[in-house]
Amino acid sequence: MDDFHLCPLSDYYERFLLPVSYSVAFVAGLGLNVVLLWDVCSRQPQQHRNGSGTVVYVANLAVADLLYVLTLPILIVSYAMGNVWYFGDIVCKIVRFLFIVNLHCSMTLLACVSVYRFLGVRFPVSALRLRTKRAAVWTSGSVWVVVTAEVLPTLAYSHTGLIDNQTVCFEMTEPRQFNLYFPYGIFLASSPIGAANTRNKSLRTRWCASIFFVLCFVPYHVVRTVYLFVRVYMVDDCHELNVVVIALKIWQPLISLNCCANPLLFFLGSGRYRKKLRTWLCSRNTRVLPAAVCVVVVDAGPRLSCPA
């Protein structure tokens, strides 16, 4: 942890909260994204026809999630061992880099999916040239290039160092460089919010993406911004520093759960999977209440019911 060494900081929660949270994110995120990629790659060409652009964006989203998920075992070991870093400077840089890349790619690609569906609903004919598989491939490639360039300075700022004679992997940068890091850190904290504001207009996607954004991304970036200000302008206030450090460490594993939420958004946003889920839920309900009508709110549109 890259906390100021003159302040005694509470870290008792790290050995329990972070390893458990990251373990859940690793198992669920790995399984869901592998299933999602397998489903996308195993589809027949005719199955891609109606939603080829969405499939491209979702596949890129799954790749971004998997790249981050595969770094979680390293963090689990590190936090379980008291935040000691055993994996070297290069691995430290890669882990921190992929965390930020995943955040920014997730929000930008979700925005792309939302805009893609909005164009299909609002301009079904005039926007046909913008809703092709080729356009989606070029857009996704541009997202990777822009996000990588945006996050590239993380490789310079993040590195290993010594705190209390123990090797740690600084999450943002070392304490002596925090004034230099501050403008870049504020830029990273605000740029995903700007990307998210361009999202959606398709009803189903809008509500899912909005709720996901508010619950997952906004609190983390607010806490991260407050943390940056405290570290630069209130560095001698150990109480405030402890509060924001604990808040940041609590939200970090929660933000990692976005690698599980992304495939769930796709599965629940797909008519094929909603139909399967509705059928399964109705079959279970009719076993318990065979004379009743089970109403299943799977779609964000009209309420769907199954007969008794």
C-alpha atoms as a PDB file:
ATOM      1  CA  MET A   1       0.000   0.000   0.000  1.00  0.00           C
ATOM      2  CA  ASP A   2       1.359   3.407  -0.967  1.00  0.00           C
ATOM      3  CA  ASP A   3       0.355   5.209   2.212  1.00  0.00           C
ATOM      4  CA  PHE A   4       2.385   7.924   3.853  1.00  0.00           C
ATOM      5  CA  HIS A   5       4.882   6.291   6.185  1.00  0.00           C
ATOM      6  CA  LEU A   6       4.609   8.911   8.959  1.00  0.00           C
ATOM      7  CA  CYS A   7       0.981   8.014   9.661  1.00  0.00           C
ATOM      8  CA  PRO A   8       0.118   4.731  11.396  1.00  0.00           C
ATOM      9  CA  LEU A   9      -2.563   3.293   9.137  1.00  0.00           C
ATOM     10  CA  SER A  10      -5.090   0.604   9.945  1.00  0.00           C
ATOM     11  CA  ASP A  11      -4.689  -2.475   7.757  1.00  0.00           C
ATOM     12  CA  TYR A  12      -6.137  -5.261   9.891  1.00  0.00           C
ATOM     13  CA  TYR A  13      -9.058  -5.710   7.478  1.00  0.00           C
ATOM     14  CA  GLU A  14      -6.818  -6.373   4.480  1.00  0.00           C
ATOM     15  CA  ARG A  15      -5.884  -9.933   5.468  1.00  0.00           C
ATOM     16  CA  PHE A  16      -9.551 -10.967   5.531  1.00  0.00           C
ATOM     17  CA  LEU A  17     -11.709  -8.649   3.429  1.00  0.00           C
ATOM     18  CA  LEU A  18      -9.494  -8.318   0.366  1.00  0.00           C
ATOM     19  CA  PRO A  19      -8.429 -11.979  -0.107  1.00  0.00           C
ATOM     20  CA  VAL A  20     -12.022 -13.192   0.312  1.00  0.00           C
ATOM     21  CA  SER A  21     -13.462 -10.500  -1.992  1.00  0.00           C
ATOM     22  CA  TYR A  22     -10.844 -11.025  -4.673  1.00  0.00           C
ATOM     23  CA  SER A  23     -11.301 -14.797  -4.453  1.00  0.00           C
ATOM     24  CA  VAL A  24     -15.030 -14.437  -5.140  1.00  0.00           C
ATOM     25  CA  ALA A  25     -14.315 -12.063  -8.031  1.00  0.00           C
ATOM     26  CA  PHE A  26     -11.715 -14.457  -9.458  1.00  0.00           C
ATOM     27  CA  VAL A  27     -13.876 -17.579  -9.362  1.00  0.00           C
ATOM     28  CA  ALA A  28     -17.061 -15.900 -10.593  1.00  0.00           C
ATOM     29  CA  GLY A  29     -15.334 -13.622 -13.094  1.00  0.00           C
ATOM     30  CA  LEU A  30     -13.241 -16.392 -14.617  1.00  0.00           C
ATOM     31  CA  GLY A  31     -16.184 -18.769 -14.959  1.00  0.00           C
ATOM     32  CA  LEU A  32     -18.671 -16.241 -16.338  1.00  0.00           C
ATOM     33  CA  ASN A  33     -16.295 -14.688 -18.859  1.00  0.00           C
ATOM     34  CA  VAL A  34     -15.012 -18.043 -20.115  1.00  0.00           C
ATOM     35  CA  VAL A  35     -18.619 -19.180 -20.623  1.00  0.00           C
ATOM     36  CA  LEU A  36     -19.396 -15.890 -22.380  1.00  0.00           C
ATOM     37  CA  LEU A  37     -16.431 -16.181 -24.759  1.00  0.00           C
ATOM     38  CA  TRP A  38     -17.225 -19.837 -25.431  1.00  0.00           C
ATOM     39  CA  ASP A  39     -20.826 -18.927 -26.218  1.00  0.00           C
ATOM     40  CA  VAL A  40     -19.764 -16.120 -28.582  1.00  0.00           C
ATOM     41  CA  CYS A  41     -17.135 -18.202 -30.382  1.00  0.00           C
ATOM     42  CA  SER A  42     -19.353 -21.283 -30.724  1.00  0.00           C
ATOM     43  CA  ARG A  43     -22.290 -19.492 -32.325  1.00  0.00           C
ATOM     44  CA  GLN A  44     -23.138 -20.205 -35.935  1.00  0.00           C
ATOM     45  CA  PRO A  45     -22.800 -17.333 -38.471  1.00  0.00           C
ATOM     46  CA  GLN A  46     -26.575 -16.928 -38.749  1.00  0.00           C
ATOM     47  CA  GLN A  47     -26.772 -16.418 -34.968  1.00  0.00           C
ATOM     48  CA  HIS A  48     -24.385 -13.465 -35.250  1.00  0.00           C
ATOM     49  CA  ARG A  49     -26.343 -11.792 -38.000  1.00  0.00           C
ATOM     50  CA  ASN A  50     -28.810  -9.748 -35.946  1.00  0.00           C
ATOM     51  CA  GLY A  51     -26.424  -8.701 -33.205  1.00  0.00           C
ATOM     52  CA  SER A  52     -22.963  -8.956 -34.709  1.00  0.00           C
ATOM     53  CA  GLY A  53     -21.864  -5.551 -33.389  1.00  0.00           C
ATOM     54  CA  THR A  54     -22.995  -6.316 -29.857  1.00  0.00           C
ATOM     55  CA  VAL A  55     -21.176  -9.653 -29.996  1.00  0.00           C
ATOM     56  CA  VAL A  56     -17.913  -7.890 -30.963  1.00  0.00           C
ATOM     57  CA  TYR A  57     -18.195  -5.391 -28.114  1.00  0.00           C
ATOM     58  CA  VAL A  58     -19.156  -8.067 -25.589  1.00  0.00           C
ATOM     59  CA  ALA A  59     -16.260 -10.306 -26.671  1.00  0.00           C
ATOM     60  CA  ASN A  60     -13.823  -7.424 -26.154  1.00  0.00           C
ATOM     61  CA  LEU A  61     -15.410  -6.744 -22.771  1.00  0.00           C
ATOM     62  CA  ALA A  62     -14.869 -10.369 -21.778  1.00  0.00           C
ATOM     63  CA  VAL A  63     -11.205 -10.237 -22.883  1.00  0.00           C
ATOM     64  CA  ALA A  64     -10.638  -7.095 -20.792  1.00  0.00           C
ATOM     65  CA  ASP A  65     -12.259  -8.780 -17.793  1.00  0.00           C
ATOM     66  CA  LEU A  66     -10.214 -11.962 -18.196  1.00  0.00           C
ATOM     67  CA  LEU A  67      -6.933 -10.051 -18.420  1.00  0.00           C
ATOM     68  CA  TYR A  68      -7.709  -8.464 -15.068  1.00  0.00           C
ATOM     69  CA  VAL A  69      -9.205 -11.569 -13.456  1.00  0.00           C
ATOM     70  CA  LEU A  70      -6.001 -13.520 -14.144  1.00  0.00           C
ATOM     71  CA  THR A  71      -4.051 -11.030 -11.990  1.00  0.00           C
ATOM     72  CA  LEU A  72      -6.295 -11.528  -8.952  1.00  0.00           C
ATOM     73  CA  PRO A  73      -4.510 -14.626  -7.541  1.00  0.00           C
ATOM     74  CA  ILE A  74      -1.385 -12.477  -7.190  1.00  0.00           C
ATOM     75  CA  LEU A  75      -3.303  -9.870  -5.181  1.00  0.00           C
ATOM     76  CA  ILE A  76      -4.962 -12.573  -3.092  1.00  0.00           C
ATOM     77  CA  VAL A  77      -1.577 -13.994  -2.057  1.00  0.00           C
ATOM     78  CA  SER A  78      -0.105 -10.543  -1.422  1.00  0.00           C
ATOM     79  CA  TYR A  79      -2.929  -9.323   0.822  1.00  0.00           C
ATOM     80  CA  ALA A  80      -3.190 -12.658   2.637  1.00  0.00           C
ATOM     81  CA  MET A  81       0.516 -12.337   3.498  1.00  0.00           C
ATOM     82  CA  GLY A  82       0.075  -8.884   5.004  1.00  0.00           C
ATOM     83  CA  ASN A  83       0.444  -6.842   1.798  1.00  0.00           C
ATOM     84  CA  VAL A  84       4.008  -8.034   1.224  1.00  0.00           C
ATOM     85  CA  TRP A  85       4.927  -8.200  -2.477  1.00  0.00           C
ATOM     86  CA  TYR A  86       6.887 -11.250  -3.646  1.00  0.00           C
ATOM     87  CA  PHE A  87       6.411 -10.994  -7.404  1.00  0.00           C
ATOM     88  CA  GLY A  88       8.846  -8.348  -8.593  1.00  0.00           C
ATOM     89  CA  ASP A  89       8.592  -4.887 -10.101  1.00  0.00           C
ATOM     90  CA  ILE A  90       7.401  -5.866 -13.594  1.00  0.00           C
ATOM     91  CA  VAL A  91       4.470  -7.918 -12.278  1.00  0.00           C
ATOM     92  CA  CYS A  92       3.563  -5.019  -9.971  1.00  0.00           C
ATOM     93  CA  LYS A  93       3.352  -2.653 -12.942  1.00  0.00           C
ATOM     94  CA  ILE A  94       1.304  -5.124 -15.002  1.00  0.00           C
ATOM     95  CA  VAL A  95      -1.214  -5.759 -12.206  1.00  0.00           C
ATOM     96  CA  ARG A  96      -1.826  -2.049 -11.575  1.00  0.00           C
ATOM     97  CA  PHE A  97      -1.941  -1.315 -15.305  1.00  0.00           C
ATOM     98  CA  LEU A  98      -4.520  -4.020 -16.066  1.00  0.00           C
ATOM     99  CA  PHE A  99      -6.750  -2.884 -13.198  1.00  0.00           C
ATOM    100  CA  ILE A 100      -7.108   0.623 -14.660  1.00  0.00           C
ATOM    101  CA  VAL A 101      -7.367  -0.705 -18.237  1.00  0.00           C
ATOM    102  CA  ASN A 102     -10.240  -2.966 -17.177  1.00  0.00           C
ATOM    103  CA  LEU A 103     -12.109  -0.082 -15.540  1.00  0.00           C
ATOM    104  CA  HIS A 104     -11.801   2.222 -18.539  1.00  0.00           C
ATOM    105  CA  CYS A 105     -12.433  -0.458 -21.169  1.00  0.00           C
ATOM    106  CA  SER A 106     -15.493  -1.697 -19.297  1.00  0.00           C
ATOM    107  CA  MET A 107     -17.153   1.702 -19.163  1.00  0.00           C
ATOM    108  CA  THR A 108     -16.252   2.643 -22.740  1.00  0.00           C
ATOM    109  CA  LEU A 109     -17.327  -0.675 -24.249  1.00  0.00           C
ATOM    110  CA  LEU A 110     -20.571  -0.605 -22.259  1.00  0.00           C
ATOM    111  CA  ALA A 111     -21.158   2.846 -23.727  1.00  0.00           C
ATOM    112  CA  CYS A 112     -20.509   1.406 -27.201  1.00  0.00           C
ATOM    113  CA  VAL A 113     -23.049  -1.375 -26.656  1.00  0.00           C
ATOM    114  CA  SER A 114     -25.613   1.154 -25.440  1.00  0.00           C
ATOM    115  CA  VAL A 115     -25.076   3.502 -28.402  1.00  0.00           C
ATOM    116  CA  TYR A 116     -25.187   0.541 -30.806  1.00  0.00           C
ATOM    117  CA  ARG A 117     -28.561  -0.577 -29.475  1.00  0.00           C
ATOM    118  CA  PHE A 118     -29.881   2.983 -29.356  1.00  0.00           C
ATOM    119  CA  LEU A 119     -29.044   3.483 -33.042  1.00  0.00           C
ATOM    120  CA  GLY A 120     -30.837   0.238 -33.878  1.00  0.00           C
ATOM    121  CA  VAL A 121     -33.982   1.387 -32.062  1.00  0.00           C
ATOM    122  CA  ARG A 122     -33.994   5.071 -33.000  1.00  0.00           C
ATOM    123  CA  PHE A 123     -32.480   4.940 -36.513  1.00  0.00           C
ATOM    124  CA  PRO A 124     -33.002   1.364 -37.740  1.00  0.00           C
ATOM    125  CA  VAL A 125     -32.442   2.227 -41.424  1.00  0.00           C
ATOM    126  CA  SER A 126     -30.241   5.320 -41.584  1.00  0.00           C
ATOM    127  CA  ALA A 127     -27.728   3.913 -39.078  1.00  0.00           C
ATOM    128  CA  LEU A 128     -27.216   0.571 -40.823  1.00  0.00           C
ATOM    129  CA  ARG A 129     -23.706   1.516 -41.952  1.00  0.00           C
ATOM    130  CA  LEU A 130     -22.754   2.338 -38.356  1.00  0.00           C
ATOM    131  CA  ARG A 131     -24.096  -0.944 -36.998  1.00  0.00           C
ATOM    132  CA  THR A 132     -21.949  -3.377 -38.944  1.00  0.00           C
ATOM    133  CA  LYS A 133     -19.531  -5.932 -37.588  1.00  0.00           C
ATOM    134  CA  ARG A 134     -16.661  -4.125 -39.307  1.00  0.00           C
ATOM    135  CA  ALA A 135     -17.563  -0.828 -37.615  1.00  0.00           C
ATOM    136  CA  ALA A 136     -17.734  -2.597 -34.261  1.00  0.00           C
ATOM    137  CA  VAL A 137     -14.283  -4.145 -34.803  1.00  0.00           C
ATOM    138  CA  TRP A 138     -12.780  -0.753 -35.682  1.00  0.00           C
ATOM    139  CA  THR A 139     -14.489   0.931 -32.734  1.00  0.00           C
ATOM    140  CA  SER A 140     -13.363  -1.758 -30.290  1.00  0.00           C
ATOM    141  CA  GLY A 141      -9.808  -1.537 -31.609  1.00  0.00           C
ATOM    142  CA  SER A 142      -9.889   2.230 -31.166  1.00  0.00           C
ATOM    143  CA  VAL A 143     -11.101   1.795 -27.586  1.00  0.00           C
ATOM    144  CA  TRP A 144      -8.129  -0.463 -26.805  1.00  0.00           C
ATOM    145  CA  VAL A 145      -5.663   1.960 -28.391  1.00  0.00           C
ATOM    146  CA  VAL A 146      -7.074   5.050 -26.647  1.00  0.00           C
ATOM    147  CA  VAL A 147      -7.424   3.376 -23.242  1.00  0.00           C
ATOM    148  CA  THR A 148      -3.929   1.863 -23.438  1.00  0.00           C
ATOM    149  CA  ALA A 149      -2.437   5.266 -24.308  1.00  0.00           C
ATOM    150  CA  GLU A 150      -4.444   6.879 -21.522  1.00  0.00           C
ATOM    151  CA  VAL A 151      -3.325   4.363 -18.893  1.00  0.00           C
ATOM    152  CA  LEU A 152       0.257   3.915 -20.126  1.00  0.00           C
ATOM    153  CA  PRO A 153       1.755   6.352 -17.549  1.00  0.00           C
ATOM    154  CA  THR A 154       0.609   3.901 -14.862  1.00  0.00           C
ATOM    155  CA  LEU A 155       3.555   1.699 -15.847  1.00  0.00           C
ATOM    156  CA  ALA A 156       5.915   4.506 -14.857  1.00  0.00           C
ATOM    157  CA  TYR A 157       4.165   5.537 -11.651  1.00  0.00           C
ATOM    158  CA  SER A 158       3.443   2.052 -10.250  1.00  0.00           C
ATOM    159  CA  HIS A 159       6.400   0.096  -8.933  1.00  0.00           C
ATOM    160  CA  THR A 160       7.675  -1.743  -5.896  1.00  0.00           C
ATOM    161  CA  GLY A 161       9.306  -0.122  -2.872  1.00  0.00           C
ATOM    162  CA  LEU A 162      10.016  -0.533   0.819  1.00  0.00           C
ATOM    163  CA  ILE A 163       7.687   0.391   3.682  1.00  0.00           C
ATOM    164  CA  ASP A 164       8.745  -0.663   7.194  1.00  0.00           C
ATOM    165  CA  ASN A 165      11.438  -2.856   5.620  1.00  0.00           C
ATOM    166  CA  GLN A 166       8.851  -4.811   3.625  1.00  0.00           C
ATOM    167  CA  THR A 167       8.551  -4.841  -0.156  1.00  0.00           C
ATOM    168  CA  VAL A 168       5.190  -3.513  -1.340  1.00  0.00           C
ATOM    169  CA  CYS A 169       3.623  -2.742  -4.703  1.00  0.00           C
ATOM    170  CA  PHE A 170       2.515   0.883  -4.704  1.00  0.00           C
ATOM    171  CA  GLU A 171      -1.048   1.080  -5.885  1.00  0.00           C
ATOM    172  CA  MET A 172      -0.771   4.540  -7.462  1.00  0.00           C
ATOM    173  CA  THR A 173       2.766   5.726  -6.855  1.00  0.00           C
ATOM    174  CA  GLU A 174       5.281   6.146  -4.057  1.00  0.00           C
ATOM    175  CA  PRO A 175       4.671   8.921  -1.483  1.00  0.00           C
ATOM    176  CA  ARG A 176       7.488  11.150  -2.780  1.00  0.00           C
ATOM    177  CA  GLN A 177       5.900  11.304  -6.252  1.00  0.00           C
ATOM    178  CA  PHE A 178       2.330  11.996  -5.183  1.00  0.00           C
ATOM    179  CA  ASN A 179       2.387  15.712  -6.029  1.00  0.00           C
ATOM    180  CA  LEU A 180       3.560  14.799  -9.526  1.00  0.00           C
ATOM    181  CA  TYR A 181       0.986  12.014  -9.830  1.00  0.00           C
ATOM    182  CA  PHE A 182      -1.931  14.133  -8.585  1.00  0.00           C
ATOM    183  CA  PRO A 183      -3.034  15.759 -11.924  1.00  0.00           C
ATOM    184  CA  TYR A 184      -2.827  12.426 -13.737  1.00  0.00           C
ATOM    185  CA  GLY A 185      -4.698  10.680 -10.920  1.00  0.00           C
ATOM    186  CA  ILE A 186      -7.535  13.227 -11.122  1.00  0.00           C
ATOM    187  CA  PHE A 187      -7.680  12.696 -14.887  1.00  0.00           C
ATOM    188  CA  LEU A 188      -7.985   8.916 -14.433  1.00  0.00           C
ATOM    189  CA  ALA A 189     -10.683   9.351 -11.792  1.00  0.00           C
ATOM    190  CA  SER A 190     -12.843  11.601 -13.968  1.00  0.00           C
ATOM    191  CA  SER A 191     -12.380  10.216 -17.504  1.00  0.00           C
ATOM    192  CA  PRO A 192     -14.510   7.036 -16.991  1.00  0.00           C
ATOM    193  CA  ILE A 193     -17.373   9.222 -15.723  1.00  0.00           C
ATOM    194  CA  GLY A 194     -17.181  11.296 -18.864  1.00  0.00           C
ATOM    195  CA  ALA A 195     -17.250   8.163 -21.005  1.00  0.00           C
ATOM    196  CA  ALA A 196     -20.259   6.817 -19.141  1.00  0.00           C
ATOM    197  CA  ASN A 197     -22.282   9.957 -19.786  1.00  0.00           C
ATOM    198  CA  THR A 198     -22.373   9.094 -23.497  1.00  0.00           C
ATOM    199  CA  ARG A 199     -24.041   5.792 -22.769  1.00  0.00           C
ATOM    200  CA  ASN A 200     -27.318   4.271 -23.827  1.00  0.00           C
ATOM    201  CA  LYS A 201     -30.775   5.284 -24.733  1.00  0.00           C
ATOM    202  CA  SER A 202     -32.106   1.786 -25.296  1.00  0.00           C
ATOM    203  CA  LEU A 203     -34.508   1.252 -22.380  1.00  0.00           C
ATOM    204  CA  ARG A 204     -33.307  -2.125 -21.210  1.00  0.00           C
ATOM    205  CA  THR A 205     -29.624  -1.302 -21.591  1.00  0.00           C
ATOM    206  CA  ARG A 206     -30.100   2.158 -20.107  1.00  0.00           C
ATOM    207  CA  TRP A 207     -31.446   0.946 -16.804  1.00  0.00           C
ATOM    208  CA  CYS A 208     -28.977  -1.917 -16.462  1.00  0.00           C
ATOM    209  CA  ALA A 209     -25.974   0.232 -17.350  1.00  0.00           C
ATOM    210  CA  SER A 210     -27.153   3.146 -15.193  1.00  0.00           C
ATOM    211  CA  ILE A 211     -27.702   1.028 -12.088  1.00  0.00           C
ATOM    212  CA  PHE A 212     -24.420  -0.792 -12.678  1.00  0.00           C
ATOM    213  CA  PHE A 213     -22.590   2.519 -13.132  1.00  0.00           C
ATOM    214  CA  VAL A 214     -24.084   4.174 -10.036  1.00  0.00           C
ATOM    215  CA  LEU A 215     -23.534   1.213  -7.717  1.00  0.00           C
ATOM    216  CA  CYS A 216     -20.123   0.139  -8.983  1.00  0.00           C
ATOM    217  CA  PHE A 217     -18.132   2.918 -10.594  1.00  0.00           C
ATOM    218  CA  VAL A 218     -19.292   6.228  -9.097  1.00  0.00           C
ATOM    219  CA  PRO A 219     -18.552   5.466  -5.400  1.00  0.00           C
ATOM    220  CA  TYR A 220     -15.085   4.125  -6.200  1.00  0.00           C
ATOM    221  CA  HIS A 221     -14.078   7.138  -8.273  1.00  0.00           C
ATOM    222  CA  VAL A 222     -15.505   9.567  -5.718  1.00  0.00           C
ATOM    223  CA  VAL A 223     -13.547   7.869  -2.932  1.00  0.00           C
ATOM    224  CA  ARG A 224     -10.437   7.725  -5.126  1.00  0.00           C
ATOM    225  CA  THR A 225     -10.670  11.464  -5.860  1.00  0.00           C
ATOM    226  CA  VAL A 226     -11.095  12.295  -2.167  1.00  0.00           C
ATOM    227  CA  TYR A 227      -8.112  10.063  -1.400  1.00  0.00           C
ATOM    228  CA  LEU A 228      -5.950  11.970  -3.902  1.00  0.00           C
ATOM    229  CA  PHE A 229      -6.883  15.321  -2.344  1.00  0.00           C
ATOM    230  CA  VAL A 230      -6.209  14.074   1.195  1.00  0.00           C
ATOM    231  CA  ARG A 231      -2.847  12.637   0.172  1.00  0.00           C
ATOM    232  CA  VAL A 232      -1.750  15.919  -1.389  1.00  0.00           C
ATOM    233  CA  TYR A 233      -3.421  18.634   0.710  1.00  0.00           C
ATOM    234  CA  MET A 234      -4.066  16.974   4.095  1.00  0.00           C
ATOM    235  CA  VAL A 235      -1.051  14.726   4.320  1.00  0.00           C
ATOM    236  CA  ASP A 236      -0.485  15.429   8.026  1.00  0.00           C
ATOM    237  CA  ASP A 237      -4.052  14.541   9.033  1.00  0.00           C
ATOM    238  CA  CYS A 238      -3.624  10.888   9.925  1.00  0.00           C
ATOM    239  CA  HIS A 239      -7.266  10.424  10.961  1.00  0.00           C
ATOM    240  CA  GLU A 240      -8.608  11.612   7.604  1.00  0.00           C
ATOM    241  CA  LEU A 241      -5.984   9.574   5.781  1.00  0.00           C
ATOM    242  CA  ASN A 242      -7.016   6.438   7.657  1.00  0.00           C
ATOM    243  CA  VAL A 243     -10.683   7.026   6.822  1.00  0.00           C
ATOM    244  CA  VAL A 244     -10.140   7.456   3.077  1.00  0.00           C
ATOM    245  CA  VAL A 245      -7.640   4.576   2.893  1.00  0.00           C
ATOM    246  CA  ILE A 246     -10.152   2.205   4.519  1.00  0.00           C
ATOM    247  CA  ALA A 247     -12.933   3.480   2.239  1.00  0.00           C
ATOM    248  CA  LEU A 248     -10.725   2.988  -0.824  1.00  0.00           C
ATOM    249  CA  LYS A 249      -9.737  -0.520   0.205  1.00  0.00           C
ATOM    250  CA  ILE A 250     -13.371  -1.442   0.797  1.00  0.00           C
ATOM    251  CA  TRP A 251     -14.486  -0.207  -2.635  1.00  0.00           C
ATOM    252  CA  GLN A 252     -11.561  -1.741  -4.502  1.00  0.00           C
ATOM    253  CA  PRO A 253     -12.762  -5.352  -4.323  1.00  0.00           C
ATOM    254  CA  LEU A 254     -16.320  -4.188  -5.035  1.00  0.00           C
ATOM    255  CA  ILE A 255     -15.200  -2.474  -8.228  1.00  0.00           C
ATOM    256  CA  SER A 256     -13.470  -5.725  -9.178  1.00  0.00           C
ATOM    257  CA  LEU A 257     -16.864  -7.397  -9.247  1.00  0.00           C
ATOM    258  CA  ASN A 258     -17.561  -5.538 -12.509  1.00  0.00           C
ATOM    259  CA  CYS A 259     -15.770  -8.438 -14.211  1.00  0.00           C
ATOM    260  CA  CYS A 260     -18.672 -10.613 -13.021  1.00  0.00           C
ATOM    261  CA  ALA A 261     -21.409  -8.080 -13.750  1.00  0.00           C
ATOM    262  CA  ASN A 262     -20.421  -7.496 -17.385  1.00  0.00           C
ATOM    263  CA  PRO A 263     -21.274 -11.036 -18.591  1.00  0.00           C
ATOM    264  CA  LEU A 264     -24.414 -11.040 -16.444  1.00  0.00           C
ATOM    265  CA  LEU A 265     -25.566  -7.859 -18.180  1.00  0.00           C
ATOM    266  CA  PHE A 266     -25.084  -9.596 -21.511  1.00  0.00           C
ATOM    267  CA  PHE A 267     -26.878 -12.786 -20.507  1.00  0.00           C
ATOM    268  CA  LEU A 268     -29.847 -10.894 -19.045  1.00  0.00           C
ATOM    269  CA  GLY A 269     -29.872  -8.461 -21.961  1.00  0.00           C
ATOM    270  CA  SER A 270     -30.043 -11.272 -24.524  1.00  0.00           C
ATOM    271  CA  GLY A 271     -33.527 -12.301 -25.570  1.00  0.00           C
ATOM    272  CA  ARG A 272     -32.367 -15.894 -25.947  1.00  0.00           C
ATOM    273  CA  TYR A 273     -31.090 -16.103 -22.355  1.00  0.00           C
ATOM    274  CA  ARG A 274     -34.054 -14.178 -20.919  1.00  0.00           C
ATOM    275  CA  LYS A 275     -36.359 -16.702 -22.561  1.00  0.00           C
ATOM    276  CA  LYS A 276     -34.387 -19.597 -21.093  1.00  0.00           C
ATOM    277  CA  LEU A 277     -34.354 -17.982 -17.640  1.00  0.00           C
ATOM    278  CA  ARG A 278     -38.079 -17.194 -17.830  1.00  0.00           C
ATOM    279  CA  THR A 279     -38.873 -20.771 -18.823  1.00  0.00           C
ATOM    280  CA  TRP A 280     -36.730 -22.179 -16.031  1.00  0.00           C
ATOM    281  CA  LEU A 281     -38.204 -19.884 -13.362  1.00  0.00           C
ATOM    282  CA  CYS A 282     -41.738 -20.546 -14.538  1.00  0.00           C
ATOM    283  CA  SER A 283     -41.205 -24.302 -14.490  1.00  0.00           C
ATOM    284  CA  ARG A 284     -39.991 -24.086 -10.892  1.00  0.00           C
ATOM    285  CA  ASN A 285     -42.865 -21.849  -9.815  1.00  0.00           C
ATOM    286  CA  THR A 286     -45.539 -23.977 -11.452  1.00  0.00           C
ATOM    287  CA  ARG A 287     -44.306 -27.002  -9.524  1.00  0.00           C
ATOM    288  CA  VAL A 288     -45.018 -25.158  -6.286  1.00  0.00           C
ATOM    289  CA  LEU A 289     -48.165 -23.298  -7.389  1.00  0.00           C
ATOM    290  CA  PRO A 290     -49.609 -25.257 -10.327  1.00  0.00           C
ATOM    291  CA  ALA A 291     -52.886 -23.304 -10.340  1.00  0.00           C
ATOM    292  CA  ALA A 292     -51.307 -19.858 -10.336  1.00  0.00           C
ATOM    293  CA  VAL A 293     -49.815 -17.653 -12.971  1.00  0.00           C
ATOM    294  CA  CYS A 294     -46.166 -16.905 -12.294  1.00  0.00           C
ATOM    295  CA  VAL A 295     -45.058 -13.472 -13.301  1.00  0.00           C
ATOM    296  CA  VAL A 296     -41.360 -13.205 -13.969  1.00  0.00           C
ATOM    297  CA  VAL A 297     -39.770  -9.821 -14.353  1.00  0.00           C
ATOM    298  CA  VAL A 298     -36.827 -10.798 -16.525  1.00  0.00           C
ATOM    299  CA  ASP A 299     -37.299  -8.222 -19.228  1.00  0.00           C
ATOM    300  CA  ALA A 300     -37.183  -4.520 -18.428  1.00  0.00           C
ATOM    301  CA  GLY A 301     -40.047  -4.071 -20.890  1.00  0.00           C
ATOM    302  CA  PRO A 302     -43.554  -5.531 -20.482  1.00  0.00           C
ATOM    303  CA  ARG A 303     -44.058  -7.998 -17.677  1.00  0.00           C
ATOM    304  CA  LEU A 304     -43.929 -11.554 -18.927  1.00  0.00           C
ATOM    305  CA  SER A 305     -46.028 -14.376 -17.526  1.00  0.00           C
ATOM    306  CA  CYS A 306     -46.186 -18.088 -17.954  1.00  0.00           C
ATOM    307  CA  PRO A 307     -49.428 -20.020 -17.881  1.00  0.00           C
ATOM    308  CA  ALA A 308     -50.391 -22.312 -15.040  1.00  0.00           C
END
